[in-house]
Amino acid sequence: MDRILIIGINGAGKSTFANKLGKKLSREVIHLDSVFYKSGWQEAHSTREEWKQKVRDLVVKERWIIDGHYNSTLNIRMPVADTIIFFNFNKLLCLYRICKRASGKAQPFDKPQGNFNKLSWNLVKKLIIFPKKKILNMLDQYKETKKIFIVKNDKEAQDLIAKL
């Protein structure tokens, strides 16, 4: 397990899990939100191709844990990961967690400098239309060549950290 990819729905706890796993494995953790955004939730790149190149530059490293979904770069990250962890949590729980973050009662670990979580229609829309079936189909393509874990709740996440 040298290259671990953590993907899934917003609010599932990917960043928290990534930090715990990174600490346990003494591995660099890359939070894609911190790469994608700069202060004020402004995109840190001028074009989609520039964003994809940043991701390509990250995945050539020998060992990493990358957390963040970003559909547009899954085709770059999945092929080079040796382990994929998919957080397939209940959408209502994730909506609750997003609202909790927006209220200031909880903050994620990967919040880019100067950015504060706010509830937006765009964030809720991403949650509602999250392409779970598409992701499961993509994972099915890699089941013979990669370690794949599908995590459905916090208990399974804790158990997986203990197992790894």
N, C-alpha and C. Protein backbone atom coordinates (compact mmCIF):
# COMPACT_ATOMS: atom_id res chain seq x y z
N MET A 1 0.84 -1.19 0.00
CA MET A 1 0.00 0.00 0.00
C MET A 1 0.88 1.25 0.00
N ASP A 2 1.28 1.65 -1.18
CA ASP A 2 2.12 2.84 -1.30
C ASP A 2 1.32 4.06 -1.74
N ARG A 3 0.33 3.83 -2.59
CA ARG A 3 -0.47 4.94 -3.14
C ARG A 3 -1.94 4.69 -2.81
N ILE A 4 -2.42 5.43 -1.83
CA ILE A 4 -3.77 5.21 -1.32
C ILE A 4 -4.66 6.37 -1.73
N LEU A 5 -5.74 6.06 -2.42
CA LEU A 5 -6.70 7.06 -2.89
C LEU A 5 -7.97 6.94 -2.07
N ILE A 6 -8.41 8.06 -1.51
CA ILE A 6 -9.64 8.09 -0.71
C ILE A 6 -10.64 8.99 -1.42
N ILE A 7 -11.75 8.40 -1.84
CA ILE A 7 -12.75 9.14 -2.60
C ILE A 7 -14.12 8.95 -1.95
N GLY A 8 -15.08 9.75 -2.38
CA GLY A 8 -16.43 9.58 -1.88
C GLY A 8 -17.17 10.89 -1.75
N ILE A 9 -18.35 10.77 -1.23
CA ILE A 9 -19.30 11.87 -1.13
C ILE A 9 -18.82 12.94 -0.14
N ASN A 10 -19.18 14.19 -0.40
CA ASN A 10 -18.85 15.30 0.50
C ASN A 10 -19.44 15.04 1.88
N GLY A 11 -18.68 15.35 2.92
CA GLY A 11 -19.18 15.23 4.28
C GLY A 11 -19.05 13.84 4.88
N ALA A 12 -18.44 12.91 4.17
CA ALA A 12 -18.34 11.54 4.67
C ALA A 12 -17.21 11.37 5.68
N GLY A 13 -16.24 12.26 5.68
CA GLY A 13 -15.13 12.14 6.61
C GLY A 13 -13.84 11.67 5.97
N LYS A 14 -13.69 11.89 4.67
CA LYS A 14 -12.50 11.46 3.95
C LYS A 14 -11.23 12.11 4.51
N SER A 15 -11.29 13.41 4.75
CA SER A 15 -10.10 14.14 5.22
C SER A 15 -9.69 13.69 6.62
N THR A 16 -10.66 13.52 7.49
CA THR A 16 -10.37 13.05 8.84
C THR A 16 -9.73 11.67 8.78
N PHE A 17 -10.31 10.79 7.98
CA PHE A 17 -9.77 9.44 7.81
C PHE A 17 -8.36 9.50 7.23
N ALA A 18 -8.16 10.32 6.20
CA ALA A 18 -6.84 10.43 5.56
C ALA A 18 -5.78 10.87 6.56
N ASN A 19 -6.11 11.85 7.39
CA ASN A 19 -5.14 12.31 8.38
C ASN A 19 -4.81 11.24 9.40
N LYS A 20 -5.81 10.51 9.85
CA LYS A 20 -5.56 9.42 10.81
C LYS A 20 -4.71 8.32 10.18
N LEU A 21 -5.04 7.98 8.94
CA LEU A 21 -4.28 6.93 8.25
C LEU A 21 -2.86 7.40 7.96
N GLY A 22 -2.72 8.65 7.55
CA GLY A 22 -1.39 9.19 7.29
C GLY A 22 -0.51 9.16 8.53
N LYS A 23 -1.10 9.49 9.66
CA LYS A 23 -0.35 9.45 10.92
C LYS A 23 0.05 8.02 11.25
N LYS A 24 -0.88 7.10 11.10
CA LYS A 24 -0.59 5.70 11.42
C LYS A 24 0.51 5.12 10.52
N LEU A 25 0.45 5.45 9.22
CA LEU A 25 1.39 4.89 8.26
C LEU A 25 2.62 5.76 8.03
N SER A 26 2.68 6.91 8.71
CA SER A 26 3.76 7.89 8.49
C SER A 26 3.87 8.23 7.01
N ARG A 27 2.75 8.60 6.44
CA ARG A 27 2.66 8.86 5.01
C ARG A 27 2.18 10.28 4.75
N GLU A 28 2.70 10.89 3.70
CA GLU A 28 2.23 12.21 3.30
C GLU A 28 0.76 12.14 2.90
N VAL A 29 -0.02 13.10 3.38
CA VAL A 29 -1.43 13.20 3.01
C VAL A 29 -1.61 14.44 2.15
N ILE A 30 -2.22 14.24 0.99
CA ILE A 30 -2.51 15.34 0.08
C ILE A 30 -4.02 15.51 0.03
N HIS A 31 -4.48 16.66 0.51
CA HIS A 31 -5.91 16.99 0.46
C HIS A 31 -6.14 17.78 -0.83
N LEU A 32 -6.90 17.22 -1.76
CA LEU A 32 -7.09 17.90 -3.04
C LEU A 32 -7.77 19.25 -2.92
N ASP A 33 -8.60 19.45 -1.90
CA ASP A 33 -9.20 20.78 -1.72
C ASP A 33 -8.12 21.84 -1.54
N SER A 34 -7.04 21.49 -0.87
CA SER A 34 -5.95 22.44 -0.65
C SER A 34 -5.14 22.69 -1.91
N VAL A 35 -5.22 21.78 -2.86
CA VAL A 35 -4.54 21.96 -4.14
C VAL A 35 -5.45 22.71 -5.12
N PHE A 36 -6.75 22.39 -5.08
CA PHE A 36 -7.72 22.96 -6.03
C PHE A 36 -8.05 24.41 -5.71
N TYR A 37 -8.10 24.76 -4.42
CA TYR A 37 -8.54 26.09 -4.01
C TYR A 37 -7.43 26.89 -3.36
N LYS A 38 -7.52 28.20 -3.52
CA LYS A 38 -6.70 29.12 -2.75
C LYS A 38 -7.65 29.91 -1.85
N SER A 39 -7.15 30.87 -1.14
CA SER A 39 -7.95 31.64 -0.19
C SER A 39 -9.22 32.20 -0.85
N GLY A 40 -10.31 32.18 -0.08
CA GLY A 40 -11.59 32.68 -0.60
C GLY A 40 -12.31 31.68 -1.50
N TRP A 41 -11.93 30.43 -1.43
CA TRP A 41 -12.50 29.36 -2.27
C TRP A 41 -12.40 29.68 -3.76
N GLN A 42 -11.33 30.36 -4.13
CA GLN A 42 -11.06 30.64 -5.54
C GLN A 42 -10.22 29.50 -6.10
N GLU A 43 -10.55 29.09 -7.32
CA GLU A 43 -9.78 28.01 -7.93
C GLU A 43 -8.33 28.45 -8.09
N ALA A 44 -7.41 27.55 -7.79
CA ALA A 44 -5.98 27.86 -7.82
C ALA A 44 -5.36 27.63 -9.19
N HIS A 45 -6.16 27.40 -10.19
CA HIS A 45 -5.65 27.14 -11.54
C HIS A 45 -6.51 27.93 -12.52
N SER A 46 -5.96 28.20 -13.68
CA SER A 46 -6.71 29.00 -14.65
C SER A 46 -7.48 28.15 -15.66
N THR A 47 -7.05 26.92 -15.86
CA THR A 47 -7.75 26.05 -16.81
C THR A 47 -7.90 24.65 -16.22
N ARG A 48 -8.81 23.88 -16.78
CA ARG A 48 -8.99 22.49 -16.35
C ARG A 48 -7.72 21.68 -16.64
N GLU A 49 -7.07 21.98 -17.74
CA GLU A 49 -5.86 21.24 -18.08
C GLU A 49 -4.75 21.53 -17.07
N GLU A 50 -4.67 22.76 -16.59
CA GLU A 50 -3.68 23.10 -15.56
C GLU A 50 -3.96 22.31 -14.28
N TRP A 51 -5.25 22.20 -13.91
CA TRP A 51 -5.65 21.42 -12.73
C TRP A 51 -5.25 19.95 -12.91
N LYS A 52 -5.54 19.40 -14.07
CA LYS A 52 -5.21 17.99 -14.31
C LYS A 52 -3.69 17.77 -14.27
N GLN A 53 -2.93 18.73 -14.76
CA GLN A 53 -1.47 18.61 -14.72
C GLN A 53 -0.97 18.64 -13.28
N LYS A 54 -1.57 19.47 -12.44
CA LYS A 54 -1.19 19.48 -11.02
C LYS A 54 -1.40 18.11 -10.40
N VAL A 55 -2.52 17.49 -10.74
CA VAL A 55 -2.81 16.15 -10.21
C VAL A 55 -1.82 15.13 -10.76
N ARG A 56 -1.51 15.22 -12.05
CA ARG A 56 -0.51 14.30 -12.64
C ARG A 56 0.83 14.44 -11.91
N ASP A 57 1.21 15.67 -11.60
CA ASP A 57 2.47 15.91 -10.89
C ASP A 57 2.45 15.29 -9.49
N LEU A 58 1.30 15.28 -8.85
CA LEU A 58 1.19 14.70 -7.51
C LEU A 58 1.29 13.17 -7.52
N VAL A 59 0.64 12.54 -8.48
CA VAL A 59 0.54 11.08 -8.46
C VAL A 59 1.82 10.36 -8.89
N VAL A 60 2.80 11.09 -9.41
CA VAL A 60 4.06 10.43 -9.79
C VAL A 60 4.93 10.13 -8.57
N LYS A 61 4.58 10.73 -7.44
CA LYS A 61 5.34 10.44 -6.22
C LYS A 61 5.21 8.96 -5.89
N GLU A 62 6.23 8.44 -5.23
CA GLU A 62 6.28 7.01 -4.94
C GLU A 62 5.24 6.57 -3.91
N ARG A 63 5.01 7.41 -2.89
CA ARG A 63 4.09 7.04 -1.82
C ARG A 63 3.22 8.23 -1.47
N TRP A 64 1.91 7.99 -1.31
CA TRP A 64 1.00 9.07 -0.93
C TRP A 64 -0.34 8.53 -0.47
N ILE A 65 -1.03 9.43 0.22
CA ILE A 65 -2.45 9.26 0.50
C ILE A 65 -3.10 10.51 -0.08
N ILE A 66 -3.98 10.34 -1.03
CA ILE A 66 -4.68 11.48 -1.63
C ILE A 66 -6.15 11.37 -1.27
N ASP A 67 -6.68 12.47 -0.70
CA ASP A 67 -8.09 12.50 -0.34
C ASP A 67 -8.79 13.59 -1.12
N GLY A 68 -9.95 13.26 -1.62
CA GLY A 68 -10.76 14.20 -2.39
C GLY A 68 -11.37 13.48 -3.57
N HIS A 69 -12.59 13.84 -3.90
CA HIS A 69 -13.27 13.09 -4.96
C HIS A 69 -12.90 13.61 -6.35
N TYR A 70 -13.33 14.78 -6.72
CA TYR A 70 -12.98 15.42 -7.99
C TYR A 70 -13.07 14.45 -9.18
N ASN A 71 -14.29 14.27 -9.66
CA ASN A 71 -14.55 13.36 -10.79
C ASN A 71 -13.62 13.59 -11.97
N SER A 72 -13.29 14.85 -12.24
CA SER A 72 -12.52 15.17 -13.44
C SER A 72 -11.11 14.59 -13.43
N THR A 73 -10.61 14.16 -12.27
CA THR A 73 -9.26 13.59 -12.23
C THR A 73 -9.23 12.14 -11.73
N LEU A 74 -10.37 11.53 -11.58
CA LEU A 74 -10.37 10.12 -11.16
C LEU A 74 -9.63 9.25 -12.17
N ASN A 75 -9.75 9.58 -13.45
CA ASN A 75 -9.08 8.78 -14.49
C ASN A 75 -7.56 8.95 -14.45
N ILE A 76 -7.07 9.94 -13.74
CA ILE A 76 -5.63 10.12 -13.55
C ILE A 76 -5.18 9.39 -12.28
N ARG A 77 -5.96 9.49 -11.23
CA ARG A 77 -5.57 8.96 -9.92
C ARG A 77 -5.83 7.46 -9.77
N MET A 78 -6.97 6.98 -10.23
CA MET A 78 -7.31 5.57 -10.03
C MET A 78 -6.29 4.60 -10.65
N PRO A 79 -5.86 4.82 -11.89
CA PRO A 79 -4.93 3.85 -12.48
C PRO A 79 -3.60 3.71 -11.74
N VAL A 80 -3.13 4.77 -11.07
CA VAL A 80 -1.83 4.70 -10.41
C VAL A 80 -1.92 4.35 -8.92
N ALA A 81 -3.12 4.43 -8.36
CA ALA A 81 -3.29 4.04 -6.95
C ALA A 81 -3.20 2.52 -6.84
N ASP A 82 -2.63 2.04 -5.73
CA ASP A 82 -2.67 0.59 -5.51
C ASP A 82 -3.78 0.21 -4.54
N THR A 83 -4.31 1.21 -3.84
CA THR A 83 -5.39 1.00 -2.89
C THR A 83 -6.41 2.12 -3.06
N ILE A 84 -7.68 1.77 -3.18
CA ILE A 84 -8.74 2.77 -3.32
C ILE A 84 -9.75 2.53 -2.20
N ILE A 85 -10.03 3.59 -1.47
CA ILE A 85 -11.01 3.54 -0.38
C ILE A 85 -12.16 4.46 -0.76
N PHE A 86 -13.34 3.89 -0.92
CA PHE A 86 -14.53 4.64 -1.33
C PHE A 86 -15.44 4.83 -0.14
N PHE A 87 -15.64 6.08 0.25
CA PHE A 87 -16.56 6.41 1.33
C PHE A 87 -17.97 6.53 0.75
N ASN A 88 -18.75 5.50 0.95
CA ASN A 88 -20.11 5.40 0.40
C ASN A 88 -21.12 5.56 1.54
N PHE A 89 -21.14 6.76 2.12
CA PHE A 89 -21.98 7.04 3.29
C PHE A 89 -23.38 7.47 2.89
N ASN A 90 -24.28 7.41 3.85
CA ASN A 90 -25.66 7.87 3.69
C ASN A 90 -25.67 9.37 3.39
N LYS A 91 -26.42 9.77 2.38
CA LYS A 91 -26.45 11.18 1.97
C LYS A 91 -27.02 12.09 3.05
N LEU A 92 -28.01 11.63 3.80
CA LEU A 92 -28.58 12.47 4.86
C LEU A 92 -27.56 12.74 5.96
N LEU A 93 -26.78 11.74 6.32
CA LEU A 93 -25.72 11.93 7.30
C LEU A 93 -24.70 12.95 6.79
N CYS A 94 -24.34 12.82 5.53
CA CYS A 94 -23.36 13.74 4.95
C CYS A 94 -23.91 15.17 4.89
N LEU A 95 -25.19 15.31 4.57
CA LEU A 95 -25.81 16.63 4.56
C LEU A 95 -25.77 17.23 5.97
N TYR A 96 -26.08 16.43 6.97
CA TYR A 96 -26.00 16.88 8.36
C TYR A 96 -24.59 17.37 8.69
N ARG A 97 -23.59 16.60 8.29
CA ARG A 97 -22.20 16.98 8.58
C ARG A 97 -21.81 18.26 7.86
N ILE A 98 -22.27 18.42 6.64
CA ILE A 98 -21.97 19.64 5.90
C ILE A 98 -22.62 20.84 6.59
N CYS A 99 -23.85 20.68 7.04
CA CYS A 99 -24.54 21.76 7.77
C CYS A 99 -23.80 22.08 9.07
N LYS A 100 -23.32 21.05 9.74
CA LYS A 100 -22.58 21.25 10.99
C LYS A 100 -21.29 22.03 10.73
N ARG A 101 -20.59 21.69 9.66
CA ARG A 101 -19.39 22.44 9.29
C ARG A 101 -19.73 23.90 9.00
N ALA A 102 -20.80 24.09 8.23
CA ALA A 102 -21.20 25.45 7.84
C ALA A 102 -21.58 26.29 9.05
N SER A 103 -22.09 25.65 10.09
CA SER A 103 -22.48 26.38 11.31
C SER A 103 -21.27 26.74 12.16
N GLY A 104 -20.12 26.20 11.82
CA GLY A 104 -18.91 26.48 12.58
C GLY A 104 -18.67 25.52 13.73
N LYS A 105 -19.54 24.53 13.88
CA LYS A 105 -19.41 23.57 14.99
C LYS A 105 -18.41 22.46 14.68
N ALA A 106 -18.02 22.35 13.43
CA ALA A 106 -17.01 21.37 13.05
C ALA A 106 -16.26 21.92 11.85
N GLN A 107 -14.98 21.71 11.79
CA GLN A 107 -14.18 22.17 10.67
C GLN A 107 -13.36 21.00 10.13
N PRO A 108 -13.26 20.90 8.82
CA PRO A 108 -12.46 19.82 8.24
C PRO A 108 -10.97 20.11 8.38
N PHE A 109 -10.17 19.08 8.27
CA PHE A 109 -8.73 19.23 8.38
C PHE A 109 -8.11 19.87 7.15
N ASP A 110 -8.75 19.77 6.01
CA ASP A 110 -8.12 20.20 4.76
C ASP A 110 -8.62 21.54 4.27
N LYS A 111 -9.16 22.36 5.16
CA LYS A 111 -9.69 23.66 4.76
C LYS A 111 -8.55 24.52 4.25
N PRO A 112 -8.58 24.94 2.97
CA PRO A 112 -7.52 25.80 2.46
C PRO A 112 -7.42 27.08 3.26
N GLN A 113 -6.23 27.63 3.32
CA GLN A 113 -5.93 28.83 4.11
C GLN A 113 -6.97 29.93 3.89
N GLY A 114 -7.56 30.38 4.97
CA GLY A 114 -8.49 31.51 4.90
C GLY A 114 -9.88 31.16 4.41
N ASN A 115 -10.17 29.90 4.21
CA ASN A 115 -11.49 29.51 3.71
C ASN A 115 -12.33 28.93 4.84
N PHE A 116 -13.56 29.34 4.87
CA PHE A 116 -14.48 28.84 5.88
C PHE A 116 -15.63 28.16 5.16
N ASN A 117 -16.09 27.08 5.71
CA ASN A 117 -17.16 26.33 5.06
C ASN A 117 -18.45 27.11 5.11
N LYS A 118 -19.15 27.09 4.01
CA LYS A 118 -20.47 27.68 3.97
C LYS A 118 -21.37 26.74 3.18
N LEU A 119 -22.61 26.72 3.56
CA LEU A 119 -23.57 25.88 2.88
C LEU A 119 -24.01 26.59 1.61
N SER A 120 -23.90 25.91 0.50
CA SER A 120 -24.31 26.51 -0.77
C SER A 120 -25.17 25.52 -1.54
N TRP A 121 -25.96 26.05 -2.44
CA TRP A 121 -26.78 25.19 -3.28
C TRP A 121 -25.90 24.25 -4.10
N ASN A 122 -24.77 24.75 -4.57
CA ASN A 122 -23.87 23.93 -5.37
C ASN A 122 -23.37 22.71 -4.57
N LEU A 123 -23.04 22.92 -3.31
CA LEU A 123 -22.58 21.82 -2.47
C LEU A 123 -23.69 20.80 -2.23
N VAL A 124 -24.89 21.29 -1.96
CA VAL A 124 -26.03 20.39 -1.74
C VAL A 124 -26.34 19.63 -3.03
N LYS A 125 -26.27 20.32 -4.16
CA LYS A 125 -26.53 19.67 -5.46
C LYS A 125 -25.52 18.55 -5.72
N LYS A 126 -24.25 18.81 -5.43
CA LYS A 126 -23.23 17.77 -5.61
C LYS A 126 -23.54 16.54 -4.75
N LEU A 127 -24.04 16.79 -3.56
CA LEU A 127 -24.40 15.70 -2.66
C LEU A 127 -25.56 14.89 -3.24
N ILE A 128 -26.57 15.58 -3.74
CA ILE A 128 -27.77 14.92 -4.27
C ILE A 128 -27.45 14.09 -5.51
N ILE A 129 -26.65 14.65 -6.41
CA ILE A 129 -26.38 13.96 -7.68
C ILE A 129 -25.10 13.14 -7.67
N PHE A 130 -24.53 12.91 -6.50
CA PHE A 130 -23.28 12.16 -6.41
C PHE A 130 -23.40 10.85 -7.20
N PRO A 131 -22.44 10.59 -8.11
CA PRO A 131 -22.55 9.45 -9.03
C PRO A 131 -22.10 8.11 -8.43
N LYS A 132 -22.80 7.66 -7.41
CA LYS A 132 -22.42 6.43 -6.70
C LYS A 132 -22.32 5.22 -7.63
N LYS A 133 -23.31 5.03 -8.48
CA LYS A 133 -23.29 3.86 -9.37
C LYS A 133 -22.11 3.92 -10.34
N LYS A 134 -21.82 5.10 -10.84
CA LYS A 134 -20.69 5.27 -11.75
C LYS A 134 -19.39 4.92 -11.04
N ILE A 135 -19.24 5.37 -9.80
CA ILE A 135 -18.03 5.08 -9.04
C ILE A 135 -17.91 3.58 -8.78
N LEU A 136 -19.00 2.95 -8.39
CA LEU A 136 -18.97 1.50 -8.14
C LEU A 136 -18.60 0.74 -9.41
N ASN A 137 -19.09 1.19 -10.57
CA ASN A 137 -18.71 0.56 -11.84
C ASN A 137 -17.23 0.76 -12.13
N MET A 138 -16.72 1.96 -11.85
CA MET A 138 -15.29 2.21 -12.05
C MET A 138 -14.45 1.31 -11.15
N LEU A 139 -14.87 1.18 -9.90
CA LEU A 139 -14.13 0.34 -8.96
C LEU A 139 -14.14 -1.12 -9.40
N ASP A 140 -15.24 -1.54 -9.98
CA ASP A 140 -15.36 -2.91 -10.46
C ASP A 140 -14.28 -3.24 -11.50
N GLN A 141 -13.89 -2.24 -12.28
CA GLN A 141 -12.85 -2.44 -13.29
C GLN A 141 -11.48 -2.73 -12.66
N TYR A 142 -11.30 -2.30 -11.43
CA TYR A 142 -10.00 -2.44 -10.77
C TYR A 142 -9.96 -3.54 -9.71
N LYS A 143 -11.04 -4.27 -9.55
CA LYS A 143 -11.12 -5.22 -8.43
C LYS A 143 -10.06 -6.32 -8.48
N GLU A 144 -9.54 -6.64 -9.65
CA GLU A 144 -8.52 -7.69 -9.78
C GLU A 144 -7.11 -7.16 -9.57
N THR A 145 -6.90 -5.86 -9.73
CA THR A 145 -5.54 -5.32 -9.73
C THR A 145 -5.22 -4.40 -8.55
N LYS A 146 -6.24 -4.02 -7.78
CA LYS A 146 -6.02 -3.08 -6.68
C LYS A 146 -6.77 -3.55 -5.43
N LYS A 147 -6.31 -3.08 -4.29
CA LYS A 147 -7.06 -3.30 -3.05
C LYS A 147 -8.16 -2.25 -3.02
N ILE A 148 -9.39 -2.70 -2.90
CA ILE A 148 -10.52 -1.78 -2.88
C ILE A 148 -11.32 -2.01 -1.60
N PHE A 149 -11.60 -0.91 -0.92
CA PHE A 149 -12.41 -0.96 0.29
C PHE A 149 -13.58 -0.01 0.12
N ILE A 150 -14.77 -0.49 0.42
CA ILE A 150 -15.96 0.37 0.40
C ILE A 150 -16.41 0.54 1.85
N VAL A 151 -16.36 1.78 2.30
CA VAL A 151 -16.65 2.12 3.69
C VAL A 151 -18.02 2.79 3.74
N LYS A 152 -18.93 2.24 4.56
CA LYS A 152 -20.31 2.74 4.58
C LYS A 152 -20.67 3.52 5.83
N ASN A 153 -19.81 3.51 6.85
CA ASN A 153 -20.12 4.24 8.08
C ASN A 153 -18.85 4.46 8.89
N ASP A 154 -18.98 5.23 9.97
CA ASP A 154 -17.83 5.57 10.80
C ASP A 154 -17.18 4.35 11.44
N LYS A 155 -17.98 3.40 11.85
CA LYS A 155 -17.44 2.18 12.48
C LYS A 155 -16.56 1.42 11.49
N GLU A 156 -17.03 1.29 10.25
CA GLU A 156 -16.22 0.62 9.23
C GLU A 156 -14.93 1.39 8.97
N ALA A 157 -14.99 2.71 9.01
CA ALA A 157 -13.79 3.53 8.81
C ALA A 157 -12.78 3.28 9.94
N GLN A 158 -13.26 3.26 11.17
CA GLN A 158 -12.38 2.98 12.32
C GLN A 158 -11.78 1.59 12.22
N ASP A 159 -12.59 0.62 11.86
CA ASP A 159 -12.11 -0.75 11.72
C ASP A 159 -11.06 -0.85 10.63
N LEU A 160 -11.25 -0.13 9.54
CA LEU A 160 -10.29 -0.18 8.44
C LEU A 160 -8.95 0.42 8.85
N ILE A 161 -8.97 1.52 9.57
CA ILE A 161 -7.71 2.10 10.04
C ILE A 161 -6.98 1.10 10.94
N ALA A 162 -7.71 0.44 11.81
CA ALA A 162 -7.09 -0.55 12.69
C ALA A 162 -6.49 -1.71 11.88
N LYS A 163 -7.18 -2.09 10.82
CA LYS A 163 -6.76 -3.22 9.98
C LYS A 163 -5.52 -2.88 9.14
N LEU A 164 -5.47 -1.65 8.65
CA LEU A 164 -4.35 -1.25 7.80
C LEU A 164 -3.17 -0.94 8.68
